[in-house]
Amino acid sequence: MLVESIVRKTLGLKDHRVVSVKEWAGELEVDLALRRGRRLACSRCGQRCTVRDRLAERTWRHVPLWGISVRLTYRPARVRCPSCGVVVERIPWTEGKSPLSAGLIHVLAVWARLLAWEVVARLFGVCWSTVASAVRSAVKYGLAHRDTSSVRHLGIDEISRKKGHVYMTQVYDLDQKRLIWSGEGRSEETLRRFFEEWGPERSATIEGICCDMWAPYVNVIRERCPSAVLVFDKFHLVRHLLEAVDRVRKMEARALKAKEPALLRGTRYLWLKNPWNLTPNQKQRLAYLERLNLKIHKAYLLKELFRELWTYKTKGWAARYLKKWFWWATHSRIKPLRDFAWLLRRHEEGILAYFDLRIDNGATEAMNNNAKQVSHRAHGFRTPETFALNLYHCLAQLPLPQTVHRFL
């Protein structure tokens, strides 16, 4: 098969033809031209129109052939469209003003989901900015063509972009486990930007939103999506409880430092782990410490009793048990547990909403871990825009630009 035939098939040419293919400066230069007498598609509405004139020559990078760079050259035409006026033709091998062909965008974008951009650039003999342009074009296409009509349950959380409390707000679709939106910061303004882009019509279709008890998120959700059920994530609640238990251990270790400094040394995970995950040695040491009537043991028992809350089937019985647990914690004479109990009381409505709509951020935490892997793979990103672009590309399940030929 001639190289001209390969180019024609991979580009899906119908109204255009390959004039020549020649080698120039170590790459293949493909010269394209119009077929005479053809009516060309309008780039806006797709209607077939007559050619008005031609523009200056443009070039596009195409998929390398046998490791040799391929460059396309063509003079785009302008057409007289009855609906849109004089506009540029729809060029079948590219989109908009991108200097890359749709085929090259597809190939680079597929590999960029698997490897760091710098590695992809070395593999295909292009610069990093070329890979970034391909991903940007793929994400733009994917965001414009993705289907969000089935989104009913959202999970909202933040991830750290780099050291120094620099955060990104992540909005996920809990049903399809995909990224919906990513923005810099974790303030009210950040989440408000999401709802402005999402729009009031789609916000009205959201049935439930799960997040932690971060006040800026809660305020914006109640303001912009009042019809949705707001559920406070149970995993964040448990994390707050474990932090309270660990504070009890530290307090008691300091109190016993003078008399028995080694008693609680190395016991942190005895009190934080689930009982069925303890090793035989840990079980044996825990059984010994339980006989000493320590405050940390009382906190441990309250932690295990709190687990029972999530086993209830109805909201009424769960509310009764939560009230009982609140009494136990506030009368335990252990300040960290009392503080946690009052935290529950202040957010009781959102906690018990879990029994109306059983959603949590377990999938969100898993996707946050995937986001961190994306960052580690690239050794971090200099700007939040580039980080968000890569997160959309890898986690949002976006459709890729359509190509005539399947390169991968």
Protein backbone atom coordinates (compact mmCIF):
# COMPACT_ATOMS: atom_id res chain seq x y z
CA MET A 1 0.00 0.00 0.00
CA LEU A 2 1.34 3.45 -0.94
CA VAL A 3 1.95 6.05 1.75
CA GLU A 4 -0.62 8.27 0.01
CA SER A 5 -3.25 5.55 0.48
CA ILE A 6 -2.37 5.16 4.17
CA VAL A 7 -2.75 8.90 4.73
CA ARG A 8 -6.03 9.01 2.81
CA LYS A 9 -7.54 6.14 4.83
CA THR A 10 -6.38 7.33 8.24
CA LEU A 11 -7.66 10.87 7.61
CA GLY A 12 -10.95 9.73 6.10
CA LEU A 13 -10.63 12.02 3.07
CA LYS A 14 -13.66 12.44 0.80
CA ASP A 15 -13.69 16.06 -0.30
CA HIS A 16 -9.92 16.34 -0.24
CA ARG A 17 -7.05 14.53 -1.91
CA VAL A 18 -3.38 13.81 -1.27
CA VAL A 19 -1.27 15.77 -3.73
CA SER A 20 2.12 14.49 -2.66
CA VAL A 21 4.13 12.94 0.17
CA LYS A 22 7.76 13.94 0.41
CA GLU A 23 10.53 13.71 2.97
CA TRP A 24 11.76 17.02 4.33
CA ALA A 25 14.21 17.55 7.21
CA GLY A 26 13.69 14.03 8.59
CA GLU A 27 9.89 14.06 8.45
CA LEU A 28 7.14 13.25 5.99
CA GLU A 29 5.30 16.26 4.59
CA VAL A 30 1.86 15.49 3.20
CA ASP A 31 0.39 18.11 0.85
CA LEU A 32 -3.43 18.10 0.72
CA ALA A 33 -5.79 19.86 -1.67
CA LEU A 34 -9.49 20.19 -2.50
CA ARG A 35 -11.27 18.01 -4.98
CA ARG A 36 -12.67 20.12 -7.78
CA GLY A 37 -16.37 20.87 -7.83
CA ARG A 38 -17.03 19.69 -4.27
CA ARG A 39 -19.36 21.52 -1.90
CA LEU A 40 -17.79 21.67 1.57
CA ALA A 41 -19.36 21.42 5.02
CA CYS A 42 -19.82 24.56 7.10
CA SER A 43 -17.76 24.41 10.31
CA ARG A 44 -20.70 25.72 12.36
CA CYS A 45 -23.86 23.99 11.09
CA GLY A 46 -22.45 21.28 8.82
CA GLN A 47 -24.49 22.35 5.79
CA ARG A 48 -22.89 21.75 2.39
CA CYS A 49 -21.97 25.08 0.74
CA THR A 50 -20.07 26.45 -2.23
CA VAL A 51 -16.44 27.52 -1.89
CA ARG A 52 -15.86 31.28 -1.69
CA ASP A 53 -12.08 31.61 -1.38
CA ARG A 54 -8.97 30.08 0.20
CA LEU A 55 -6.97 31.04 3.27
CA ALA A 56 -3.25 30.91 3.95
CA GLU A 57 -1.57 27.52 4.24
CA ARG A 58 -1.73 25.77 7.60
CA THR A 59 0.15 22.77 8.98
CA TRP A 60 -0.87 20.00 11.38
CA ARG A 61 1.16 17.32 13.13
CA HIS A 62 -0.16 13.82 12.46
CA VAL A 63 0.49 10.37 13.96
CA PRO A 64 4.13 9.30 13.31
CA LEU A 65 4.56 6.64 10.64
CA TRP A 66 7.19 3.99 11.47
CA GLY A 67 8.72 6.44 13.94
CA ILE A 68 8.92 9.21 11.32
CA SER A 69 7.15 12.49 12.09
CA VAL A 70 4.27 13.34 9.74
CA ARG A 71 3.16 16.89 8.96
CA LEU A 72 0.02 17.82 6.98
CA THR A 73 -0.17 21.00 4.91
CA TYR A 74 -3.37 22.46 3.47
CA ARG A 75 -4.98 25.78 2.51
CA PRO A 76 -8.41 25.85 4.21
CA ALA A 77 -11.35 27.14 2.20
CA ARG A 78 -14.09 29.55 3.21
CA VAL A 79 -17.65 28.75 2.20
CA ARG A 80 -20.83 30.78 1.70
CA CYS A 81 -23.30 29.35 4.20
CA PRO A 82 -26.94 30.56 3.89
CA SER A 83 -27.32 30.27 7.68
CA CYS A 84 -23.91 31.28 9.06
CA GLY A 85 -22.50 33.59 6.36
CA VAL A 86 -18.90 33.31 5.18
CA VAL A 87 -17.12 30.79 7.42
CA VAL A 88 -14.22 28.36 7.26
CA GLU A 89 -14.99 24.83 6.07
CA ARG A 90 -15.19 21.91 8.47
CA ILE A 91 -11.79 20.25 8.21
CA PRO A 92 -12.28 16.48 8.77
CA TRP A 93 -8.89 15.75 10.34
CA THR A 94 -8.86 18.45 13.01
CA GLU A 95 -11.06 20.54 15.29
CA GLY A 96 -10.96 24.33 15.54
CA LYS A 97 -7.53 25.93 15.39
CA SER A 98 -5.61 23.03 16.91
CA PRO A 99 -2.20 22.44 15.25
CA LEU A 100 -2.62 18.69 15.88
CA SER A 101 -4.65 16.22 13.84
CA ALA A 102 -7.52 14.39 15.54
CA GLY A 103 -5.59 11.14 15.16
CA LEU A 104 -2.53 12.48 16.98
CA ILE A 105 -4.70 14.00 19.71
CA HIS A 106 -6.34 10.60 20.21
CA VAL A 107 -3.04 8.70 20.38
CA LEU A 108 -1.31 11.15 22.74
CA ALA A 109 -4.41 11.44 24.93
CA VAL A 110 -4.75 7.67 25.33
CA TRP A 111 -1.12 7.30 26.39
CA ALA A 112 -1.35 10.37 28.66
CA ARG A 113 -3.99 8.53 30.71
CA LEU A 114 -1.47 5.80 31.42
CA LEU A 115 1.89 7.58 31.62
CA ALA A 116 3.34 10.91 32.67
CA TRP A 117 3.20 13.56 29.95
CA GLU A 118 6.98 13.84 29.83
CA VAL A 119 7.27 10.10 29.17
CA VAL A 120 4.66 10.28 26.38
CA ALA A 121 6.55 13.19 24.81
CA ARG A 122 9.78 11.15 24.72
CA LEU A 123 8.02 8.11 23.26
CA PHE A 124 6.55 10.06 20.35
CA GLY A 125 9.41 12.48 19.84
CA VAL A 126 7.40 15.59 20.65
CA CYS A 127 7.73 18.28 23.30
CA TRP A 128 5.81 18.35 26.58
CA SER A 129 3.65 21.26 25.41
CA THR A 130 2.47 19.19 22.42
CA VAL A 131 1.19 16.47 24.77
CA ALA A 132 -0.41 19.15 26.94
CA SER A 133 -2.15 20.61 23.87
CA ALA A 134 -3.42 17.16 22.90
CA VAL A 135 -4.81 16.53 26.39
CA ARG A 136 -6.35 20.01 26.49
CA SER A 137 -8.11 19.38 23.16
CA ALA A 138 -9.27 15.93 24.30
CA VAL A 139 -10.63 17.31 27.59
CA LYS A 140 -12.40 20.18 25.79
CA TYR A 141 -14.06 17.69 23.46
CA GLY A 142 -14.89 15.31 26.30
CA LEU A 143 -16.47 17.97 28.51
CA ALA A 144 -18.60 19.16 25.58
CA HIS A 145 -19.79 15.65 24.70
CA ARG A 146 -20.11 13.91 28.09
CA ASP A 147 -23.52 12.86 29.35
CA THR A 148 -24.41 14.22 32.79
CA SER A 149 -28.16 13.66 32.61
CA SER A 150 -27.96 10.65 34.96
CA VAL A 151 -26.06 12.43 37.78
CA ARG A 152 -28.17 12.20 40.94
CA HIS A 153 -25.72 11.82 43.84
CA LEU A 154 -22.63 13.96 44.32
CA GLY A 155 -19.64 13.48 46.62
CA ILE A 156 -17.63 16.59 47.52
CA ASP A 157 -14.20 16.50 49.12
CA GLU A 158 -10.83 18.22 48.92
CA ILE A 159 -7.36 16.95 48.11
CA SER A 160 -3.99 18.53 48.82
CA ARG A 161 -2.18 19.67 45.66
CA LYS A 162 1.15 20.33 47.37
CA LYS A 163 2.61 21.08 50.77
CA GLY A 164 1.40 24.13 52.65
CA HIS A 165 -2.36 23.53 52.79
CA VAL A 166 -2.93 24.12 49.07
CA TYR A 167 -6.18 22.34 48.22
CA MET A 168 -8.33 21.40 45.24
CA THR A 169 -12.08 20.87 45.61
CA GLN A 170 -13.25 17.68 43.91
CA VAL A 171 -16.86 16.96 42.92
CA TYR A 172 -17.60 13.33 42.01
CA ASP A 173 -20.53 11.39 40.59
CA LEU A 174 -21.03 8.73 43.26
CA ASP A 175 -23.09 6.42 41.02
CA GLN A 176 -20.70 6.20 38.06
CA LYS A 177 -17.58 6.91 40.15
CA ARG A 178 -16.22 9.68 37.94
CA LEU A 179 -14.92 13.21 38.40
CA ILE A 180 -17.46 15.92 37.60
CA TRP A 181 -15.54 19.09 38.50
CA SER A 182 -12.22 20.19 39.96
CA GLY A 183 -11.30 23.67 41.16
CA GLU A 184 -8.55 25.37 43.15
CA GLY A 185 -9.23 26.07 46.83
CA ARG A 186 -11.81 24.82 49.30
CA SER A 187 -13.71 28.01 50.08
CA GLU A 188 -17.31 29.02 49.48
CA GLU A 189 -16.24 30.82 46.31
CA THR A 190 -14.66 27.63 44.97
CA LEU A 191 -17.78 25.49 45.36
CA ARG A 192 -20.00 28.35 44.21
CA ARG A 193 -18.07 28.34 40.91
CA PHE A 194 -19.03 24.72 40.42
CA PHE A 195 -22.73 25.35 40.91
CA GLU A 196 -22.56 28.36 38.57
CA GLU A 197 -21.02 26.18 35.85
CA TRP A 198 -23.37 23.30 36.64
CA GLY A 199 -26.42 25.54 36.33
CA PRO A 200 -29.71 25.68 38.27
CA GLU A 201 -31.51 23.18 36.02
CA ARG A 202 -29.03 20.37 36.62
CA SER A 203 -28.70 21.34 40.29
CA ALA A 204 -32.45 20.82 40.69
CA THR A 205 -32.09 17.17 39.58
CA ILE A 206 -29.52 16.33 42.31
CA GLU A 207 -31.12 14.07 44.92
CA GLY A 208 -28.32 13.82 47.45
CA ILE A 209 -24.91 15.33 48.24
CA CYS A 210 -22.38 13.74 50.58
CA CYS A 211 -19.55 15.78 52.10
CA ASP A 212 -17.74 16.33 55.37
CA MET A 213 -18.80 18.94 57.92
CA TRP A 214 -16.66 21.72 56.41
CA ALA A 215 -18.82 24.84 56.90
CA PRO A 216 -18.05 26.58 53.54
CA TYR A 217 -19.23 23.49 51.63
CA VAL A 218 -22.36 23.13 53.76
CA ASN A 219 -23.33 26.79 53.34
CA VAL A 220 -23.03 26.73 49.55
CA ILE A 221 -24.87 23.40 49.20
CA ARG A 222 -27.82 24.67 51.23
CA GLU A 223 -27.82 27.89 49.24
CA ARG A 224 -27.47 26.50 45.71
CA CYS A 225 -29.00 23.03 46.02
CA PRO A 226 -31.69 23.24 48.72
CA SER A 227 -33.78 20.38 47.34
CA ALA A 228 -30.96 17.82 47.72
CA VAL A 229 -30.52 15.68 50.84
CA LEU A 230 -27.29 16.72 52.58
CA VAL A 231 -25.55 13.69 54.10
CA PHE A 232 -22.45 14.02 56.25
CA ASP A 233 -19.97 11.33 55.35
CA LYS A 234 -19.75 8.58 57.96
CA PHE A 235 -16.08 7.91 57.18
CA HIS A 236 -15.19 11.50 58.12
CA LEU A 237 -17.18 11.08 61.34
CA VAL A 238 -15.25 7.94 62.21
CA ARG A 239 -11.99 9.75 61.46
CA HIS A 240 -12.94 12.50 63.94
CA LEU A 241 -13.77 9.81 66.51
CA LEU A 242 -10.43 8.05 66.00
CA GLU A 243 -8.62 11.36 66.43
CA ALA A 244 -10.50 11.88 69.72
CA VAL A 245 -9.54 8.38 70.92
CA ASP A 246 -5.91 9.01 70.02
CA ARG A 247 -5.94 12.29 71.97
CA VAL A 248 -7.18 10.34 75.00
CA ARG A 249 -4.25 7.93 74.62
CA LYS A 250 -1.76 10.79 74.45
CA MET A 251 -3.27 12.51 77.49
CA GLU A 252 -3.16 9.34 79.56
CA ALA A 253 0.37 8.51 78.38
CA ARG A 254 1.53 11.91 79.64
CA ALA A 255 -0.25 11.34 82.95
CA LEU A 256 1.45 7.94 83.40
CA LYS A 257 4.86 9.11 82.21
CA ALA A 258 6.27 9.52 85.73
CA LYS A 259 5.11 6.14 87.13
CA GLU A 260 4.75 3.79 84.15
CA PRO A 261 6.23 5.40 81.02
CA ALA A 262 6.22 2.14 79.01
CA LEU A 263 2.63 1.09 79.75
CA LEU A 264 1.02 2.72 76.68
CA ARG A 265 4.12 2.90 74.51
CA GLY A 266 3.46 1.49 71.03
CA THR A 267 -0.26 0.95 71.66
CA ARG A 268 -1.69 3.52 69.25
CA TYR A 269 -3.10 1.02 66.77
CA LEU A 270 -4.40 -1.29 69.49
CA TRP A 271 -7.13 1.29 70.12
CA LEU A 272 -7.66 2.49 66.55
CA LYS A 273 -7.78 -0.76 64.57
CA ASN A 274 -10.89 -2.85 64.13
CA PRO A 275 -10.88 -5.78 66.59
CA TRP A 276 -10.89 -8.39 63.83
CA ASN A 277 -7.75 -6.84 62.30
CA LEU A 278 -5.61 -7.17 65.42
CA THR A 279 -2.69 -9.60 65.38
CA PRO A 280 -2.50 -12.31 68.09
CA ASN A 281 0.16 -10.32 69.97
CA GLN A 282 -1.94 -7.17 69.81
CA LYS A 283 -5.00 -9.04 71.10
CA GLN A 284 -2.98 -10.39 74.01
CA ARG A 285 -1.64 -6.96 74.99
CA LEU A 286 -5.09 -5.37 74.60
CA ALA A 287 -6.59 -8.01 76.92
CA TYR A 288 -3.97 -7.12 79.55
CA LEU A 289 -4.59 -3.35 79.26
CA GLU A 290 -8.37 -3.82 79.48
CA ARG A 291 -8.00 -5.07 83.09
CA LEU A 292 -6.31 -1.83 84.24
CA ASN A 293 -9.43 0.40 84.07
CA LEU A 294 -7.75 3.09 81.97
CA LYS A 295 -9.49 6.07 80.39
CA ILE A 296 -8.24 5.00 76.97
CA HIS A 297 -10.08 1.70 77.45
CA LYS A 298 -13.31 3.55 78.15
CA ALA A 299 -12.76 5.62 75.01
CA TYR A 300 -12.07 2.42 73.07
CA LEU A 301 -15.38 0.90 74.23
CA LEU A 302 -17.27 4.06 73.22
CA LYS A 303 -15.60 3.90 69.82
CA GLU A 304 -16.76 0.31 69.34
CA LEU A 305 -20.28 1.17 70.53
CA PHE A 306 -20.49 4.01 68.00
CA ARG A 307 -20.07 1.41 65.25
CA GLU A 308 -23.50 0.04 66.10
CA LEU A 309 -25.15 3.25 64.85
CA TRP A 310 -24.67 2.27 61.21
CA THR A 311 -26.37 -1.12 61.66
CA TYR A 312 -29.84 0.38 62.19
CA LYS A 313 -32.34 0.13 59.34
CA THR A 314 -34.60 3.07 60.20
CA LYS A 315 -33.87 6.69 60.99
CA GLY A 316 -36.00 6.67 64.16
CA TRP A 317 -34.12 3.84 65.85
CA ALA A 318 -30.79 5.33 64.75
CA ALA A 319 -31.78 8.68 66.32
CA ARG A 320 -32.63 6.93 69.60
CA TYR A 321 -29.30 5.12 69.67
CA LEU A 322 -27.38 8.30 68.80
CA LYS A 323 -29.08 10.07 71.71
CA LYS A 324 -28.10 7.22 74.03
CA TRP A 325 -24.47 7.26 72.79
CA PHE A 326 -24.40 11.04 73.26
CA TRP A 327 -25.34 10.56 76.95
CA TRP A 328 -22.63 7.93 77.43
CA ALA A 329 -19.95 10.15 75.85
CA THR A 330 -20.91 13.36 77.66
CA HIS A 331 -20.96 11.55 81.02
CA SER A 332 -17.66 9.74 80.43
CA ARG A 333 -15.59 12.58 81.98
CA ILE A 334 -13.27 12.35 78.97
CA LYS A 335 -12.98 15.74 77.27
CA PRO A 336 -12.06 14.60 73.71
CA LEU A 337 -15.08 12.25 73.70
CA ARG A 338 -17.34 15.00 75.06
CA ASP A 339 -16.15 17.37 72.33
CA PHE A 340 -16.84 14.75 69.67
CA ALA A 341 -20.31 14.11 71.12
CA TRP A 342 -21.20 17.81 70.89
CA LEU A 343 -19.88 17.82 67.32
CA LEU A 344 -22.43 15.10 66.57
CA ARG A 345 -25.19 17.08 68.26
CA ARG A 346 -24.45 20.17 66.15
CA HIS A 347 -24.59 18.16 62.91
CA GLU A 348 -27.20 15.60 63.91
CA GLU A 349 -29.56 16.35 61.02
CA GLY A 350 -26.94 15.66 58.35
CA ILE A 351 -25.70 12.55 60.17
CA LEU A 352 -29.15 11.00 60.43
CA ALA A 353 -29.85 11.92 56.78
CA TYR A 354 -27.69 8.89 55.95
CA PHE A 355 -30.65 6.69 56.92
CA ASP A 356 -32.86 8.53 54.42
CA LEU A 357 -30.35 8.26 51.56
CA ARG A 358 -27.57 5.75 52.17
CA ILE A 359 -24.68 7.39 50.37
CA ASP A 360 -21.16 7.95 51.62
CA ASN A 361 -17.82 9.15 50.33
CA GLY A 362 -16.14 5.75 50.22
CA ALA A 363 -15.93 5.98 46.42
CA THR A 364 -14.77 9.60 46.76
CA GLU A 365 -11.85 8.58 48.97
CA ALA A 366 -10.87 5.90 46.44
CA MET A 367 -10.95 8.44 43.60
CA ASN A 368 -8.95 10.90 45.71
CA ASN A 369 -6.27 8.23 46.02
CA ASN A 370 -6.31 7.86 42.22
CA ALA A 371 -5.92 11.64 41.93
CA LYS A 372 -2.86 11.51 44.19
CA GLN A 373 -1.40 8.74 42.02
CA VAL A 374 -1.84 10.98 38.96
CA SER A 375 0.08 13.71 40.78
CA HIS A 376 2.84 11.39 41.99
CA ARG A 377 3.24 9.91 38.51
CA ALA A 378 4.09 13.35 37.16
CA HIS A 379 6.07 14.39 40.29
CA GLY A 380 3.50 17.13 40.88
CA PHE A 381 2.20 20.00 38.75
CA ARG A 382 3.29 23.63 38.79
CA THR A 383 -0.15 25.12 38.25
CA PRO A 384 -3.63 24.11 39.48
CA GLU A 385 -4.96 24.46 35.92
CA THR A 386 -2.60 21.74 34.63
CA PHE A 387 -3.38 19.52 37.61
CA ALA A 388 -7.14 19.90 37.07
CA LEU A 389 -6.69 19.22 33.35
CA ASN A 390 -4.94 15.93 34.06
CA LEU A 391 -7.54 14.96 36.68
CA TYR A 392 -10.35 15.52 34.18
CA HIS A 393 -8.49 13.48 31.60
CA CYS A 394 -7.75 10.53 33.88
CA LEU A 395 -10.75 10.43 36.25
CA ALA A 396 -13.75 11.98 34.47
CA GLN A 397 -14.37 9.11 31.99
CA LEU A 398 -14.55 11.64 29.15
CA PRO A 399 -15.15 10.45 25.58
CA LEU A 400 -12.18 10.99 23.25
CA PRO A 401 -12.40 12.79 19.88
CA GLN A 402 -13.73 10.56 17.13
CA THR A 403 -11.28 9.39 14.48
CA VAL A 404 -11.82 7.48 11.25
CA HIS A 405 -8.93 5.10 11.93
CA ARG A 406 -8.28 3.28 15.19
CA PHE A 407 -4.62 3.92 15.96
CA LEU A 408 -4.58 2.06 19.30
